[in-house]
Protein backbone atom coordinates (compact mmCIF):
# COMPACT_ATOMS: atom_id res chain seq x y z
CA MET A 1 -35.13 72.33 -13.01
CA LYS A 2 -31.52 73.48 -12.73
CA ILE A 3 -31.04 71.22 -9.72
CA PHE A 4 -32.28 68.27 -11.77
CA LYS A 5 -29.80 69.11 -14.54
CA TYR A 6 -26.99 69.40 -12.03
CA LEU A 7 -27.94 65.99 -10.60
CA LEU A 8 -27.94 64.43 -14.07
CA PHE A 9 -24.61 66.08 -14.82
CA LEU A 10 -23.20 64.82 -11.51
CA LEU A 11 -24.51 61.31 -12.22
CA LEU A 12 -22.94 61.42 -15.68
CA ILE A 13 -19.60 62.43 -14.15
CA VAL A 14 -19.86 59.57 -11.65
CA LEU A 15 -20.67 57.07 -14.42
CA ILE A 16 -17.84 58.26 -16.63
CA GLY A 17 -15.40 58.34 -13.73
CA GLY A 18 -16.51 54.90 -12.57
CA SER A 19 -16.20 53.51 -16.09
CA ILE A 20 -12.71 54.94 -16.43
CA TYR A 21 -11.78 53.48 -13.04
CA ILE A 22 -13.12 50.04 -13.94
CA ALA A 23 -11.58 50.12 -17.43
CA THR A 24 -8.16 51.04 -16.08
CA LYS A 25 -8.41 48.63 -13.12
CA ASP A 26 -5.97 45.75 -13.51
CA GLY A 27 -8.05 42.77 -14.56
CA ASP A 28 -5.17 40.36 -15.05
CA PHE A 29 -5.23 37.42 -12.69
CA LYS A 30 -3.01 34.44 -11.96
CA VAL A 31 -3.97 31.63 -9.63
CA GLU A 32 -1.23 29.17 -8.76
CA GLU A 33 -1.20 26.14 -6.48
CA THR A 34 1.69 23.75 -5.83
CA GLN A 35 1.76 20.37 -4.12
CA VAL A 36 4.40 17.65 -3.74
CA PHE A 37 3.09 14.19 -4.75
CA ASP A 38 4.45 10.88 -3.55
CA ALA A 39 4.38 9.54 -7.08
CA PRO A 40 6.62 9.40 -10.18
CA GLN A 41 6.55 12.31 -12.64
CA GLU A 42 5.35 10.21 -15.58
CA LEU A 43 2.43 8.78 -13.62
CA ILE A 44 1.10 12.21 -12.64
CA PHE A 45 1.61 13.60 -16.14
CA ASN A 46 -0.44 10.73 -17.59
CA GLU A 47 -3.15 11.32 -14.96
CA VAL A 48 -3.59 14.96 -16.00
CA ASN A 49 -3.11 14.30 -19.72
CA ASP A 50 -6.22 12.07 -19.87
CA PHE A 51 -9.46 14.03 -19.39
CA LYS A 52 -11.32 10.88 -18.35
CA ASN A 53 -9.39 11.06 -15.08
CA TRP A 54 -10.52 14.60 -14.28
CA GLU A 55 -13.99 13.50 -13.20
CA TYR A 56 -12.49 12.14 -9.97
CA TRP A 57 -10.68 15.27 -8.77
CA ALA A 58 -11.38 18.47 -10.80
CA ALA A 59 -13.79 20.87 -9.07
CA TRP A 60 -15.96 21.45 -12.15
CA SER A 61 -16.09 17.71 -12.90
CA THR A 62 -16.78 16.35 -9.41
CA SER A 63 -19.89 18.51 -8.94
CA SER A 64 -22.92 16.22 -8.68
CA GLU A 65 -24.91 18.70 -10.74
CA ALA A 66 -22.41 18.90 -13.60
CA THR A 67 -23.04 17.33 -16.99
CA VAL A 68 -19.81 16.38 -18.77
CA ASN A 69 -19.33 15.68 -22.48
CA TYR A 70 -16.02 14.53 -23.93
CA GLY A 71 -14.59 15.43 -27.33
CA ASP A 72 -13.46 12.95 -29.97
CA ILE A 73 -9.97 13.05 -28.41
CA ILE A 74 -9.62 12.72 -24.63
CA LYS A 75 -5.84 12.40 -24.26
CA GLY A 76 -2.93 14.56 -25.43
CA VAL A 77 -2.90 17.53 -27.80
CA GLY A 78 -6.38 18.28 -29.17
CA ALA A 79 -8.17 16.53 -26.29
CA SER A 80 -11.19 18.40 -24.94
CA TYR A 81 -14.26 18.15 -22.80
CA GLU A 82 -17.18 20.38 -21.83
CA TRP A 83 -19.28 20.70 -18.72
CA GLU A 84 -22.49 22.37 -17.67
CA SER A 85 -23.35 23.12 -14.05
CA ASP A 86 -25.76 25.36 -12.16
CA ASP A 87 -22.96 26.16 -9.72
CA ILE A 88 -20.17 27.19 -12.06
CA GLY A 89 -21.90 27.60 -15.42
CA GLU A 90 -20.74 26.15 -18.72
CA GLY A 91 -17.17 25.53 -19.67
CA GLN A 92 -14.76 23.91 -22.06
CA LEU A 93 -11.18 22.76 -21.55
CA LYS A 94 -8.82 21.90 -24.38
CA THR A 95 -5.20 20.72 -24.39
CA ILE A 96 -3.07 22.72 -26.84
CA GLU A 97 0.47 21.63 -25.98
CA THR A 98 2.28 18.86 -24.10
CA LYS A 99 5.91 18.27 -23.20
CA PRO A 100 6.13 14.74 -21.79
CA PHE A 101 6.57 14.46 -18.89
CA THR A 102 7.21 18.02 -17.76
CA GLN A 103 4.39 20.31 -18.90
CA ILE A 104 0.82 20.50 -20.20
CA ILE A 105 -0.71 23.72 -21.61
CA GLN A 106 -4.49 24.08 -21.93
CA LYS A 107 -7.06 26.77 -22.63
CA ILE A 108 -10.28 27.06 -20.67
CA LYS A 109 -13.50 28.85 -21.55
CA ILE A 110 -16.12 29.53 -18.88
CA SER A 111 -19.57 30.98 -19.63
CA ASN A 112 -21.77 32.32 -16.83
CA LEU A 113 -23.77 35.41 -15.80
CA LEU A 114 -20.61 37.49 -16.09
CA GLY A 115 -20.15 36.56 -19.73
CA GLU A 116 -17.53 34.42 -21.39
CA ASP A 117 -14.03 34.14 -19.96
CA HIS A 118 -10.97 32.71 -21.72
CA SER A 119 -7.98 31.70 -19.63
CA LYS A 120 -4.77 29.73 -19.91
CA VAL A 121 -4.12 26.66 -17.78
CA SER A 122 -0.59 25.37 -17.19
CA TRP A 123 0.64 22.22 -15.50
CA ASN A 124 4.30 21.85 -14.54
CA PHE A 125 5.75 18.56 -13.27
CA GLU A 126 9.15 18.66 -11.59
CA PRO A 127 10.76 15.42 -10.32
CA ILE A 128 12.43 15.56 -6.94
CA GLU A 129 14.13 12.93 -4.80
CA ASN A 130 12.57 9.67 -3.57
CA ASP A 131 10.21 9.36 -6.55
CA GLN A 132 8.34 12.50 -5.56
CA THR A 133 7.04 15.13 -7.98
CA LYS A 134 6.30 18.81 -7.46
CA VAL A 135 3.09 19.67 -9.32
CA THR A 136 2.16 23.28 -10.10
CA TRP A 137 -1.32 24.09 -11.45
CA ILE A 138 -1.73 27.61 -12.85
CA MET A 139 -4.74 29.51 -14.21
CA GLU A 140 -4.18 32.97 -15.69
CA GLY A 141 -6.03 35.46 -17.88
CA SER A 142 -7.77 38.85 -17.99
CA GLN A 143 -11.23 39.81 -16.71
CA SER A 144 -13.72 41.55 -18.97
CA PHE A 145 -15.18 44.99 -18.14
CA LYS A 146 -18.36 43.37 -16.79
CA GLU A 147 -16.36 40.94 -14.65
CA LYS A 148 -14.28 43.76 -13.22
CA PHE A 149 -17.45 45.76 -12.48
CA LEU A 150 -19.23 42.91 -10.72
CA SER A 151 -16.06 42.01 -8.81
CA LEU A 152 -16.45 45.35 -6.97
CA PHE A 153 -19.40 43.82 -5.13
CA GLU A 154 -17.64 40.55 -4.28
CA ASP A 155 -16.07 39.91 -0.88
CA ARG A 156 -13.21 37.97 -2.50
CA SER A 157 -11.13 38.43 -5.63
CA LEU A 158 -11.24 35.92 -8.47
CA SER A 159 -7.89 34.52 -7.35
CA GLU A 160 -9.17 34.07 -3.80
CA MET A 161 -12.23 32.22 -5.11
CA MET A 162 -10.26 29.93 -7.44
CA GLN A 163 -7.36 29.10 -5.11
CA PRO A 164 -9.37 26.71 -2.89
CA LYS A 165 -10.65 24.87 -5.98
CA LEU A 166 -7.15 24.24 -7.28
CA SER A 167 -5.94 23.21 -3.82
CA ALA A 168 -8.86 20.82 -3.35
CA GLY A 169 -8.30 19.40 -6.83
CA LEU A 170 -4.64 18.59 -6.17
CA THR A 171 -5.46 17.03 -2.81
CA ALA A 172 -8.16 14.87 -4.40
CA MET A 173 -5.80 13.89 -7.22
CA GLN A 174 -3.15 12.73 -4.73
CA GLN A 175 -5.72 10.40 -3.16
CA VAL A 176 -6.78 9.07 -6.57
CA ILE A 177 -3.17 8.40 -7.57
CA ASP A 178 -2.43 6.77 -4.21
CA ASN A 179 -5.34 4.39 -4.76
CA LYS A 180 -4.16 3.54 -8.27
CA MET A 181 -0.57 2.95 -7.13
CA ASN A 182 -1.66 0.67 -4.28
CA GLU A 183 -3.80 -1.67 -6.38
CA TYR A 184 -2.40 -5.19 -6.52
CA ASN A 185 -3.35 -8.73 -7.41
CA ILE A 186 -1.85 -12.12 -6.51
CA SER A 187 -2.53 -15.23 -8.58
CA VAL A 188 -1.20 -18.76 -8.24
CA ASP A 189 -0.77 -20.24 -11.71
CA GLY A 190 -0.06 -23.76 -10.47
CA VAL A 191 2.78 -26.15 -11.28
CA VAL A 192 4.65 -25.38 -14.50
CA ASN A 193 7.97 -26.34 -16.04
CA HIS A 194 10.87 -23.89 -15.83
CA GLY A 195 13.64 -24.46 -18.33
CA GLY A 196 16.44 -23.30 -16.04
CA GLY A 197 19.74 -22.35 -17.68
CA TYR A 198 22.91 -20.44 -16.98
CA TYR A 199 22.90 -17.20 -15.07
CA MET A 200 25.37 -14.58 -13.90
CA TYR A 201 25.07 -13.39 -10.36
CA MET A 202 26.41 -11.80 -7.19
CA THR A 203 25.72 -13.24 -3.75
CA THR A 204 25.38 -11.59 -0.36
CA ALA A 205 23.94 -12.16 3.10
CA SER A 206 21.68 -9.70 4.87
CA LYS A 207 18.79 -9.25 7.22
CA ILE A 208 15.50 -10.21 5.63
CA SER A 209 14.32 -6.62 5.95
CA GLN A 210 17.28 -5.46 3.83
CA VAL A 211 16.89 -7.90 0.95
CA ASN A 212 14.88 -5.53 -1.25
CA SER A 213 17.25 -2.58 -0.84
CA LYS A 214 20.36 -4.72 -1.43
CA MET A 215 19.14 -6.64 -4.47
CA GLN A 216 18.63 -3.56 -6.66
CA PRO A 217 22.26 -2.34 -6.71
CA MET A 218 23.42 -5.95 -7.12
CA VAL A 219 21.29 -6.37 -10.24
CA THR A 220 22.65 -3.10 -11.61
CA GLN A 221 26.24 -4.16 -10.95
CA VAL A 222 25.76 -7.52 -12.68
CA SER A 223 24.09 -5.79 -15.63
CA ASN A 224 26.97 -3.33 -16.00
CA PHE A 225 29.52 -6.14 -15.75
CA MET A 226 27.78 -8.19 -18.46
CA GLU A 227 27.60 -5.20 -20.79
CA THR A 228 31.27 -4.39 -20.23
CA GLN A 229 32.33 -8.02 -20.88
CA GLY A 230 29.97 -8.43 -23.84
CA PHE A 231 27.87 -11.17 -22.19
CA GLU A 232 24.30 -11.51 -23.42
CA LYS A 233 21.40 -11.13 -20.98
CA LEU A 234 18.30 -13.29 -21.27
CA GLY A 235 15.06 -11.87 -19.98
CA ASN A 236 14.65 -9.90 -16.79
CA PRO A 237 16.45 -9.71 -13.42
CA VAL A 238 16.34 -12.79 -11.21
CA VAL A 239 16.90 -13.21 -7.46
CA ILE A 240 17.64 -16.69 -6.10
CA TYR A 241 17.16 -17.42 -2.41
CA ASN A 242 19.94 -19.73 -1.23
CA GLU A 243 18.95 -19.60 2.44
CA TRP A 244 16.06 -17.97 4.27
CA ASN A 245 16.03 -18.12 8.06
CA GLN A 246 12.95 -16.41 9.45
CA SER A 247 13.88 -17.07 13.09
CA ASN A 248 17.27 -15.42 12.70
CA ASN A 249 15.96 -12.72 10.35
CA SER A 250 18.74 -13.60 7.90
CA ALA A 251 18.95 -14.45 4.22
CA ILE A 252 21.60 -15.44 1.69
CA PHE A 253 20.61 -14.64 -1.87
CA SER A 254 21.98 -14.14 -5.37
CA ALA A 255 20.89 -11.50 -7.87
CA GLY A 256 21.61 -11.24 -11.58
CA TYR A 257 20.48 -12.28 -15.08
CA PHE A 258 20.10 -15.45 -17.10
CA THR A 259 22.58 -15.83 -19.96
CA PRO A 260 22.49 -18.25 -22.93
CA ASN A 261 25.89 -19.84 -22.33
CA GLU A 262 28.27 -20.84 -19.59
CA VAL A 263 31.02 -18.25 -19.37
CA ARG A 264 34.24 -17.83 -17.48
CA THR A 265 34.74 -14.67 -15.49
CA PRO A 266 38.03 -13.23 -14.21
CA ILE A 267 39.25 -14.84 -10.98
CA ASP A 268 39.00 -11.57 -9.07
CA ALA A 269 35.54 -10.70 -10.42
CA ASP A 270 32.63 -10.27 -7.99
CA VAL A 271 30.24 -11.59 -10.66
CA LEU A 272 30.06 -15.36 -11.10
CA ASN A 273 28.34 -17.82 -13.45
CA GLY A 274 25.96 -20.53 -12.24
CA SER A 275 23.35 -22.89 -13.64
CA MET A 276 19.80 -23.85 -12.79
CA PRO A 277 18.26 -27.22 -13.75
CA ASN A 278 15.15 -27.75 -15.80
CA GLN A 279 12.54 -28.31 -13.09
CA LYS A 280 8.93 -28.30 -12.02
CA VAL A 281 8.00 -25.16 -10.11
CA LEU A 282 4.96 -23.60 -8.53
CA LYS A 283 4.46 -20.24 -10.23
CA THR A 284 2.85 -17.34 -8.38
CA VAL A 285 2.39 -13.88 -9.90
CA LEU A 286 2.29 -10.59 -8.01
CA LYS A 287 1.00 -7.63 -10.00
CA GLY A 288 1.60 -4.49 -7.96
CA LYS A 289 4.09 -3.00 -5.52
CA TYR A 290 6.85 -5.23 -4.25
CA ASP A 291 5.62 -4.26 -0.75
CA ASN A 292 3.06 -7.05 -1.21
CA ILE A 293 5.63 -9.76 -1.95
CA GLU A 294 5.38 -11.34 1.52
CA GLU A 295 1.65 -11.92 1.03
CA ALA A 296 2.37 -13.47 -2.36
CA TRP A 297 4.87 -15.92 -0.88
CA LYS A 298 2.38 -16.87 1.86
CA LYS A 299 -0.28 -17.63 -0.75
CA ALA A 300 2.21 -19.74 -2.69
CA TYR A 301 3.11 -21.87 0.34
CA GLN A 302 -0.55 -22.13 1.32
CA TYR A 303 -1.31 -23.47 -2.17
CA ILE A 304 1.45 -26.08 -1.72
CA ASP A 305 -0.06 -27.23 1.59
CA ASN A 306 -3.64 -27.25 0.31
CA ASN A 307 -2.79 -29.27 -2.79
CA GLY A 308 -0.51 -31.89 -1.24
CA LEU A 309 2.61 -30.71 -3.07
CA GLU A 310 6.13 -31.20 -1.77
CA ILE A 311 8.95 -28.70 -2.06
CA ALA A 312 12.01 -30.20 -3.76
CA GLU A 313 14.90 -30.97 -1.42
CA SER A 314 17.82 -28.53 -1.61
CA ALA A 315 15.73 -26.44 -3.98
CA LYS A 316 16.31 -22.72 -4.30
CA PRO A 317 13.17 -20.61 -4.77
CA PHE A 318 13.61 -17.58 -7.00
CA GLU A 319 11.88 -14.46 -8.31
CA VAL A 320 11.92 -12.97 -11.80
CA TYR A 321 10.98 -9.32 -12.29
CA GLN A 322 8.97 -8.98 -15.49
CA THR A 323 8.78 -5.18 -15.47
CA ASN A 324 11.28 -2.37 -15.08
CA PRO A 325 10.19 0.37 -12.64
CA ILE A 326 11.99 2.93 -14.80
CA GLU A 327 9.93 1.96 -17.84
CA THR A 328 6.68 1.27 -15.97
CA ALA A 329 5.75 4.30 -13.88
CA ASN A 330 2.68 2.91 -12.11
CA PRO A 331 3.67 0.39 -9.38
CA ALA A 332 0.28 -1.28 -9.83
CA GLU A 333 1.59 -2.52 -13.21
CA TRP A 334 4.80 -4.05 -11.85
CA ILE A 335 4.92 -7.84 -12.24
CA THR A 336 6.98 -10.23 -10.09
CA ASN A 337 6.96 -13.97 -10.77
CA ILE A 338 7.69 -16.29 -7.84
CA TYR A 339 8.97 -19.82 -8.53
CA ILE A 340 9.19 -22.57 -5.90
CA PRO A 341 10.76 -25.86 -7.08
CA ILE A 342 8.39 -28.80 -6.50
CA LYS A 343 9.32 -32.46 -6.03
CA GLU A 344 8.13 -34.49 -8.99
CA ILE A 345 5.84 -37.40 -8.18
CA GLU A 346 7.40 -40.74 -9.11
CA ASN A 347 5.13 -43.17 -10.94
CA ASP A 348 5.00 -46.71 -9.57
């Protein structure tokens, strides 16, 4: 009988000691994963800020067994959604703070056999060079007594179990964003009338492969000059192709802005004033990255051939950029209009 009492006493000591050990065991956890994205900061922020996007890359949303329900708000502060899955249990995620386009703070609740866990989720977006963004996804919180007890029988810690999910989520998100950025569409609107007008410009010659990189600083320089001189700009940047020699890989082109009036510039100024006639043009629209501009030009010339049109003699084709990459983060939303002057048909 005494032996039995001693055993019970020993068991009680073990239980008390084990409880004290578990209670004092550090249950705080922080899981952090960082990845550099080849995408603008604003674009990635908007991707994370809208819960409808999470179904394509978040581990608890991509599960085929998961049932997802969205709250009344799905974007920004107050947005929320819930999920239910046999693999990871039930959960809820809610956005509680945003700092466009640098940070998003959320709270997450997960219910499973271990009980109910409340954690904080942080997203940090840091722009780096070449339109890249460093994205850091953080989950942090404290484990309950039951979670700490059951973790003693796990081969991996909570951080070790969650790390691969965050890593896989960021990798999947990069692919989703790549796909969105690479979407494009080319449409030929047919022959329209372009009103022409005065424009201010700079001209240079370059290899065809260098046209894109050279036109951007030229447009900026013309813009700065017009603002300094008090000249009004009409519409968006324009690039006019004076000569295009595919065989020699050379081009002469002008870049600048339309302006409402003819103006005189200083004799030593690099920026000049020109005029464009009112004319019939074939209009082609590229919506998407400028990388696809060559395909757009090919479709335009193919349309001319297929429809028996003639390009106007001594005509200068030109492009007008309807969107500003600084204001429009997603390249898939960039719009470039191509205009090719067409010879008008004379009536007998």
